[in-house]
Amino acid sequence: MRIVCLISGGIDSPAAAYSLARNNAEIILLHMDNRPYSGEGSVNKVIRLTEALEAALEQSLELWTAPHGISQFRISKYCQSNLQCVLCKRTMLKVARNIAKELDADAIATGDSLGQVASQTLYNLNAEERGLDFPVLRPLIGLDKLEIEHMAKEIGTYDISIEKGDACSIVPFRPITMASPELIIEQERRLDLDALSMEMSKEAFLLRKQGMNHI
């Protein structure tokens, strides 16, 4: 089974990728580059997390990047401000799905754990995934934070993930926690999210071709 795994600089997503890889899945890591809404060191942090995962799994991993700052800007410009996080995640899922299809992957995966942040409430997870028509795996969904932290410590990613960095600067003051699929679909039409996600997917392949998309 081939899986495109979204990876950030946080604790959860490297643990999710590890849990799939140790169960014999072939994983391809995809980082959504959030600059300028995250610090310059964010990509370097993900590279170091990838190296830690390679050491834990004793195998080489592909690390892809796709631009995400453009998407964040357009969401903030055209959509309700309290939907920024949900539409951010929905964009990530669509970009990951597009890349997965091109790479003949079987699924995409995230580090979601139910209810830990605004985009991970049951309502929002449902809205983010609606109509995606592609498998989304969430290997950590029922784990609590302590369980995930324990796994991260065991595989050597925890200390990297907790290093101080710049938080996302475009997070709304009061993000929505009970988004409906109908609301999300109506909002994403304002910025043509399908076209936007395809544009970002093509940029990821261009970066790969230029040799800028791997360790």
C-alpha atoms as a PDB file:
ATOM      1  CA  MET A   1       0.000   0.000   0.000  1.00  0.00           C
ATOM      2  CA  ARG A   2       1.350   3.405  -1.019  1.00  0.00           C
ATOM      3  CA  ILE A   3       0.332   6.427   1.061  1.00  0.00           C
ATOM      4  CA  VAL A   4       1.011  10.159   0.784  1.00  0.00           C
ATOM      5  CA  CYS A   5       1.390  11.389   4.374  1.00  0.00           C
ATOM      6  CA  LEU A   6       1.016  15.052   5.238  1.00  0.00           C
ATOM      7  CA  ILE A   7       3.821  16.122   7.567  1.00  0.00           C
ATOM      8  CA  SER A   8       4.293  19.345   9.538  1.00  0.00           C
ATOM      9  CA  GLY A   9       6.727  20.381  12.213  1.00  0.00           C
ATOM     10  CA  GLY A  10       4.383  19.224  14.974  1.00  0.00           C
ATOM     11  CA  ILE A  11       4.325  16.118  17.129  1.00  0.00           C
ATOM     12  CA  ASP A  12       1.432  14.241  15.546  1.00  0.00           C
ATOM     13  CA  SER A  13       2.090  13.904  11.819  1.00  0.00           C
ATOM     14  CA  PRO A  14       5.551  12.255  12.061  1.00  0.00           C
ATOM     15  CA  ALA A  15       4.080   9.740  14.525  1.00  0.00           C
ATOM     16  CA  ALA A  16       1.214   9.026  12.125  1.00  0.00           C
ATOM     17  CA  ALA A  17       3.612   8.461   9.233  1.00  0.00           C
ATOM     18  CA  TYR A  18       5.747   6.158  11.376  1.00  0.00           C
ATOM     19  CA  SER A  19       2.771   4.075  12.486  1.00  0.00           C
ATOM     20  CA  LEU A  20       1.811   3.436   8.855  1.00  0.00           C
ATOM     21  CA  ALA A  21       5.347   2.716   7.681  1.00  0.00           C
ATOM     22  CA  ARG A  22       6.012   0.216  10.458  1.00  0.00           C
ATOM     23  CA  ASN A  23       2.951  -1.676   9.225  1.00  0.00           C
ATOM     24  CA  ASN A  24       4.596  -2.101   5.821  1.00  0.00           C
ATOM     25  CA  ALA A  25       3.022   0.846   4.016  1.00  0.00           C
ATOM     26  CA  GLU A  26       5.208   2.672   1.506  1.00  0.00           C
ATOM     27  CA  ILE A  27       4.996   6.297   2.588  1.00  0.00           C
ATOM     28  CA  ILE A  28       5.716   9.503   0.713  1.00  0.00           C
ATOM     29  CA  LEU A  29       5.909  12.592   2.908  1.00  0.00           C
ATOM     30  CA  LEU A  30       4.270  15.837   1.781  1.00  0.00           C
ATOM     31  CA  HIS A  31       4.931  19.121   3.559  1.00  0.00           C
ATOM     32  CA  MET A  32       2.669  22.084   2.847  1.00  0.00           C
ATOM     33  CA  ASP A  33       5.057  25.034   2.986  1.00  0.00           C
ATOM     34  CA  ASN A  34       3.151  27.683   4.954  1.00  0.00           C
ATOM     35  CA  ARG A  35       5.561  30.569   4.453  1.00  0.00           C
ATOM     36  CA  PRO A  36       5.165  33.548   4.856  1.00  0.00           C
ATOM     37  CA  TYR A  37       2.617  32.613   7.539  1.00  0.00           C
ATOM     38  CA  SER A  38       5.194  30.425   9.306  1.00  0.00           C
ATOM     39  CA  GLY A  39       8.859  31.029  10.003  1.00  0.00           C
ATOM     40  CA  GLU A  40      11.745  30.413   7.615  1.00  0.00           C
ATOM     41  CA  GLY A  41      12.930  27.498   9.742  1.00  0.00           C
ATOM     42  CA  SER A  42       9.728  25.498   9.280  1.00  0.00           C
ATOM     43  CA  VAL A  43      10.906  23.598   6.206  1.00  0.00           C
ATOM     44  CA  ASN A  44      14.285  22.832   7.789  1.00  0.00           C
ATOM     45  CA  LYS A  45      12.468  21.417  10.809  1.00  0.00           C
ATOM     46  CA  VAL A  46      10.476  19.059   8.589  1.00  0.00           C
ATOM     47  CA  ILE A  47      13.687  17.924   6.881  1.00  0.00           C
ATOM     48  CA  ARG A  48      15.145  17.045  10.286  1.00  0.00           C
ATOM     49  CA  LEU A  49      11.957  15.197  11.251  1.00  0.00           C
ATOM     50  CA  THR A  50      12.204  13.224   8.019  1.00  0.00           C
ATOM     51  CA  GLU A  51      15.787  12.302   8.839  1.00  0.00           C
ATOM     52  CA  ALA A  52      14.672  11.134  12.302  1.00  0.00           C
ATOM     53  CA  LEU A  53      11.944   9.013  10.728  1.00  0.00           C
ATOM     54  CA  GLU A  54      14.447   7.518   8.295  1.00  0.00           C
ATOM     55  CA  ALA A  55      16.666   6.545  11.233  1.00  0.00           C
ATOM     56  CA  ALA A  56      13.763   5.026  13.161  1.00  0.00           C
ATOM     57  CA  LEU A  57      12.469   3.101  10.153  1.00  0.00           C
ATOM     58  CA  GLU A  58      15.924   2.296   8.734  1.00  0.00           C
ATOM     59  CA  GLN A  59      14.828   3.282   5.242  1.00  0.00           C
ATOM     60  CA  SER A  60      14.972   6.272   2.913  1.00  0.00           C
ATOM     61  CA  LEU A  61      11.870   8.417   2.506  1.00  0.00           C
ATOM     62  CA  GLU A  62      10.756  10.825  -0.181  1.00  0.00           C
ATOM     63  CA  LEU A  63       9.934  14.307   1.098  1.00  0.00           C
ATOM     64  CA  TRP A  64       7.848  16.498  -1.183  1.00  0.00           C
ATOM     65  CA  THR A  65       6.852  20.109  -0.622  1.00  0.00           C
ATOM     66  CA  ALA A  66       3.979  22.128  -2.026  1.00  0.00           C
ATOM     67  CA  PRO A  67       3.423  25.883  -1.605  1.00  0.00           C
ATOM     68  CA  HIS A  68       0.634  26.679   0.827  1.00  0.00           C
ATOM     69  CA  GLY A  69       1.088  30.375   1.622  1.00  0.00           C
ATOM     70  CA  ILE A  70      -0.680  31.303  -1.624  1.00  0.00           C
ATOM     71  CA  SER A  71      -3.678  29.184  -0.639  1.00  0.00           C
ATOM     72  CA  GLN A  72      -3.762  30.678   2.850  1.00  0.00           C
ATOM     73  CA  PHE A  73      -3.777  34.185   1.385  1.00  0.00           C
ATOM     74  CA  ARG A  74      -6.616  33.446  -1.025  1.00  0.00           C
ATOM     75  CA  ILE A  75      -8.693  31.789   1.685  1.00  0.00           C
ATOM     76  CA  SER A  76      -8.254  34.843   3.908  1.00  0.00           C
ATOM     77  CA  LYS A  77      -9.174  37.165   1.038  1.00  0.00           C
ATOM     78  CA  TYR A  78     -12.318  35.454  -0.227  1.00  0.00           C
ATOM     79  CA  CYS A  79     -13.758  33.392   2.659  1.00  0.00           C
ATOM     80  CA  GLN A  80     -15.131  33.865   6.176  1.00  0.00           C
ATOM     81  CA  SER A  81     -12.277  34.446   8.578  1.00  0.00           C
ATOM     82  CA  ASN A  82     -13.457  31.848  11.112  1.00  0.00           C
ATOM     83  CA  LEU A  83     -13.210  29.146   8.409  1.00  0.00           C
ATOM     84  CA  GLN A  84      -9.493  29.691   7.760  1.00  0.00           C
ATOM     85  CA  CYS A  85      -8.335  26.540   9.566  1.00  0.00           C
ATOM     86  CA  VAL A  86     -10.977  24.251   8.081  1.00  0.00           C
ATOM     87  CA  LEU A  87     -10.416  25.505   4.538  1.00  0.00           C
ATOM     88  CA  CYS A  88      -6.661  25.325   5.105  1.00  0.00           C
ATOM     89  CA  LYS A  89      -6.968  21.630   5.981  1.00  0.00           C
ATOM     90  CA  ARG A  90      -9.376  20.978   3.116  1.00  0.00           C
ATOM     91  CA  THR A  91      -6.880  22.538   0.710  1.00  0.00           C
ATOM     92  CA  MET A  92      -4.104  20.343   2.094  1.00  0.00           C
ATOM     93  CA  LEU A  93      -6.234  17.235   1.624  1.00  0.00           C
ATOM     94  CA  LYS A  94      -7.063  18.162  -1.962  1.00  0.00           C
ATOM     95  CA  VAL A  95      -3.435  18.857  -2.846  1.00  0.00           C
ATOM     96  CA  ALA A  96      -2.345  15.592  -1.211  1.00  0.00           C
ATOM     97  CA  ARG A  97      -5.096  13.717  -3.074  1.00  0.00           C
ATOM     98  CA  ASN A  98      -4.034  15.203  -6.418  1.00  0.00           C
ATOM     99  CA  ILE A  99      -0.416  14.242  -5.860  1.00  0.00           C
ATOM    100  CA  ALA A 100      -1.394  10.780  -4.613  1.00  0.00           C
ATOM    101  CA  LYS A 101      -3.397  10.107  -7.761  1.00  0.00           C
ATOM    102  CA  GLU A 102      -0.488  11.137  -9.974  1.00  0.00           C
ATOM    103  CA  LEU A 103       1.852   8.855  -8.001  1.00  0.00           C
ATOM    104  CA  ASP A 104      -0.598   5.907  -8.089  1.00  0.00           C
ATOM    105  CA  ALA A 105      -0.882   5.984  -4.300  1.00  0.00           C
ATOM    106  CA  ASP A 106      -3.751   4.240  -2.553  1.00  0.00           C
ATOM    107  CA  ALA A 107      -4.557   6.798   0.157  1.00  0.00           C
ATOM    108  CA  ILE A 108      -3.484   9.961   1.934  1.00  0.00           C
ATOM    109  CA  ALA A 109      -2.870  10.248   5.669  1.00  0.00           C
ATOM    110  CA  THR A 110      -2.863  12.928   8.347  1.00  0.00           C
ATOM    111  CA  GLY A 111      -1.854  13.224  11.994  1.00  0.00           C
ATOM    112  CA  ASP A 112      -5.384  14.112  13.105  1.00  0.00           C
ATOM    113  CA  SER A 113      -6.371  13.150  16.632  1.00  0.00           C
ATOM    114  CA  LEU A 114     -10.015  13.740  17.456  1.00  0.00           C
ATOM    115  CA  GLY A 115     -10.757  17.095  19.074  1.00  0.00           C
ATOM    116  CA  GLN A 116      -7.204  18.282  19.760  1.00  0.00           C
ATOM    117  CA  VAL A 117      -7.453  21.469  17.688  1.00  0.00           C
ATOM    118  CA  ALA A 118     -10.271  23.353  15.959  1.00  0.00           C
ATOM    119  CA  SER A 119      -9.823  21.644  12.591  1.00  0.00           C
ATOM    120  CA  GLN A 120     -10.058  18.217  14.250  1.00  0.00           C
ATOM    121  CA  THR A 121     -13.525  18.272  15.771  1.00  0.00           C
ATOM    122  CA  LEU A 122     -15.837  15.587  14.408  1.00  0.00           C
ATOM    123  CA  TYR A 123     -17.935  18.216  12.594  1.00  0.00           C
ATOM    124  CA  ASN A 124     -14.898  19.812  10.977  1.00  0.00           C
ATOM    125  CA  LEU A 125     -13.264  16.520   9.994  1.00  0.00           C
ATOM    126  CA  ASN A 126     -16.492  15.569   8.240  1.00  0.00           C
ATOM    127  CA  ALA A 127     -16.684  18.919   6.432  1.00  0.00           C
ATOM    128  CA  GLU A 128     -13.019  18.831   5.411  1.00  0.00           C
ATOM    129  CA  GLU A 129     -13.288  15.368   3.847  1.00  0.00           C
ATOM    130  CA  ARG A 130     -16.729  15.632   2.224  1.00  0.00           C
ATOM    131  CA  GLY A 131     -16.655  14.926  -1.523  1.00  0.00           C
ATOM    132  CA  LEU A 132     -12.936  14.178  -1.594  1.00  0.00           C
ATOM    133  CA  ASP A 133     -13.599  10.738  -3.104  1.00  0.00           C
ATOM    134  CA  PHE A 134     -10.261   9.387  -1.943  1.00  0.00           C
ATOM    135  CA  PRO A 135      -9.289   7.412   1.187  1.00  0.00           C
ATOM    136  CA  VAL A 136      -8.040   9.515   4.108  1.00  0.00           C
ATOM    137  CA  LEU A 137      -6.252   7.573   6.854  1.00  0.00           C
ATOM    138  CA  ARG A 138      -5.962   8.908  10.395  1.00  0.00           C
ATOM    139  CA  PRO A 139      -3.907   6.372  12.361  1.00  0.00           C
ATOM    140  CA  LEU A 140      -3.830   8.525  15.529  1.00  0.00           C
ATOM    141  CA  ILE A 141      -7.521   9.429  15.586  1.00  0.00           C
ATOM    142  CA  GLY A 142      -8.352   7.713  18.896  1.00  0.00           C
ATOM    143  CA  LEU A 143      -5.112   8.417  20.759  1.00  0.00           C
ATOM    144  CA  ASP A 144      -4.752  11.117  23.377  1.00  0.00           C
ATOM    145  CA  LYS A 145      -1.874  13.597  23.463  1.00  0.00           C
ATOM    146  CA  LEU A 146       0.171  11.659  26.009  1.00  0.00           C
ATOM    147  CA  GLU A 147       0.037   8.501  23.908  1.00  0.00           C
ATOM    148  CA  ILE A 148       1.156  10.385  20.813  1.00  0.00           C
ATOM    149  CA  GLU A 149       3.952  12.126  22.708  1.00  0.00           C
ATOM    150  CA  HIS A 150       5.152   8.758  24.010  1.00  0.00           C
ATOM    151  CA  MET A 151       5.341   7.409  20.461  1.00  0.00           C
ATOM    152  CA  ALA A 152       7.185  10.529  19.259  1.00  0.00           C
ATOM    153  CA  LYS A 153       9.756  10.160  22.025  1.00  0.00           C
ATOM    154  CA  GLU A 154      10.319   6.501  21.138  1.00  0.00           C
ATOM    155  CA  ILE A 155      11.010   7.270  17.468  1.00  0.00           C
ATOM    156  CA  GLY A 156      13.196  10.328  18.098  1.00  0.00           C
ATOM    157  CA  THR A 157      10.967  13.064  16.660  1.00  0.00           C
ATOM    158  CA  TYR A 158       9.596  14.597  19.865  1.00  0.00           C
ATOM    159  CA  ASP A 159      12.532  16.850  20.766  1.00  0.00           C
ATOM    160  CA  ILE A 160      12.630  18.255  17.240  1.00  0.00           C
ATOM    161  CA  SER A 161       8.881  18.890  17.151  1.00  0.00           C
ATOM    162  CA  ILE A 162       8.814  20.821  20.430  1.00  0.00           C
ATOM    163  CA  GLU A 163      11.613  23.204  19.468  1.00  0.00           C
ATOM    164  CA  LYS A 164      10.399  26.774  19.622  1.00  0.00           C
ATOM    165  CA  GLY A 165       9.235  28.164  16.313  1.00  0.00           C
ATOM    166  CA  ASP A 166       6.833  30.660  14.852  1.00  0.00           C
ATOM    167  CA  ALA A 167       3.181  29.648  15.083  1.00  0.00           C
ATOM    168  CA  CYS A 168       0.953  30.091  12.048  1.00  0.00           C
ATOM    169  CA  SER A 169       0.211  33.804  11.896  1.00  0.00           C
ATOM    170  CA  ILE A 170      -3.043  33.557   9.953  1.00  0.00           C
ATOM    171  CA  VAL A 171      -5.039  31.485  12.457  1.00  0.00           C
ATOM    172  CA  PRO A 172      -8.312  33.318  13.244  1.00  0.00           C
ATOM    173  CA  PHE A 173      -9.103  34.549  16.749  1.00  0.00           C
ATOM    174  CA  ARG A 174     -12.133  32.273  17.020  1.00  0.00           C
ATOM    175  CA  PRO A 175     -11.954  29.395  14.511  1.00  0.00           C
ATOM    176  CA  ILE A 176     -15.196  27.578  13.815  1.00  0.00           C
ATOM    177  CA  THR A 177     -15.599  24.189  15.509  1.00  0.00           C
ATOM    178  CA  MET A 178     -18.879  23.013  13.956  1.00  0.00           C
ATOM    179  CA  ALA A 179     -18.579  23.666  10.225  1.00  0.00           C
ATOM    180  CA  SER A 180     -21.133  22.064   7.951  1.00  0.00           C
ATOM    181  CA  PRO A 181     -20.193  20.512   4.595  1.00  0.00           C
ATOM    182  CA  GLU A 182     -22.713  22.800   2.897  1.00  0.00           C
ATOM    183  CA  LEU A 183     -21.057  25.924   4.324  1.00  0.00           C
ATOM    184  CA  ILE A 184     -17.590  24.755   3.338  1.00  0.00           C
ATOM    185  CA  ILE A 185     -18.653  23.928  -0.218  1.00  0.00           C
ATOM    186  CA  GLU A 186     -20.332  27.317  -0.584  1.00  0.00           C
ATOM    187  CA  GLN A 187     -17.248  29.133   0.709  1.00  0.00           C
ATOM    188  CA  GLU A 188     -14.731  27.235  -1.396  1.00  0.00           C
ATOM    189  CA  ARG A 189     -16.593  28.197  -4.556  1.00  0.00           C
ATOM    190  CA  ARG A 190     -15.538  31.781  -3.820  1.00  0.00           C
ATOM    191  CA  LEU A 191     -11.906  30.957  -4.548  1.00  0.00           C
ATOM    192  CA  ASP A 192     -12.377  27.896  -6.826  1.00  0.00           C
ATOM    193  CA  LEU A 193     -10.603  25.571  -4.441  1.00  0.00           C
ATOM    194  CA  ASP A 194     -10.394  22.727  -6.948  1.00  0.00           C
ATOM    195  CA  ALA A 195      -8.444  24.902  -9.385  1.00  0.00           C
ATOM    196  CA  LEU A 196      -6.290  26.311  -6.575  1.00  0.00           C
ATOM    197  CA  SER A 197      -5.397  22.870  -5.217  1.00  0.00           C
ATOM    198  CA  MET A 198      -4.525  21.649  -8.704  1.00  0.00           C
ATOM    199  CA  GLU A 199      -2.286  24.689  -9.191  1.00  0.00           C
ATOM    200  CA  MET A 200      -0.428  23.930  -5.951  1.00  0.00           C
ATOM    201  CA  SER A 201      -0.105  20.250  -6.900  1.00  0.00           C
ATOM    202  CA  LYS A 202       1.525  21.196 -10.194  1.00  0.00           C
ATOM    203  CA  GLU A 203       3.934  23.456  -8.305  1.00  0.00           C
ATOM    204  CA  ALA A 204       4.921  20.482  -6.139  1.00  0.00           C
ATOM    205  CA  PHE A 205       5.772  18.429  -9.227  1.00  0.00           C
ATOM    206  CA  LEU A 206       7.700  21.362 -10.689  1.00  0.00           C
ATOM    207  CA  LEU A 207       9.756  21.659  -7.504  1.00  0.00           C
ATOM    208  CA  ARG A 208      10.428  17.940  -7.633  1.00  0.00           C
ATOM    209  CA  LYS A 209      11.567  18.157 -11.246  1.00  0.00           C
ATOM    210  CA  GLN A 210      13.902  21.022 -10.351  1.00  0.00           C
ATOM    211  CA  GLY A 211      15.481  18.901  -7.614  1.00  0.00           C
ATOM    212  CA  MET A 212      14.204  21.151  -4.821  1.00  0.00           C
ATOM    213  CA  ASN A 213      11.701  18.718  -3.375  1.00  0.00           C
ATOM    214  CA  HIS A 214      13.730  16.106  -1.574  1.00  0.00           C
ATOM    215  CA  ILE A 215      16.487  15.781   1.010  1.00  0.00           C
END
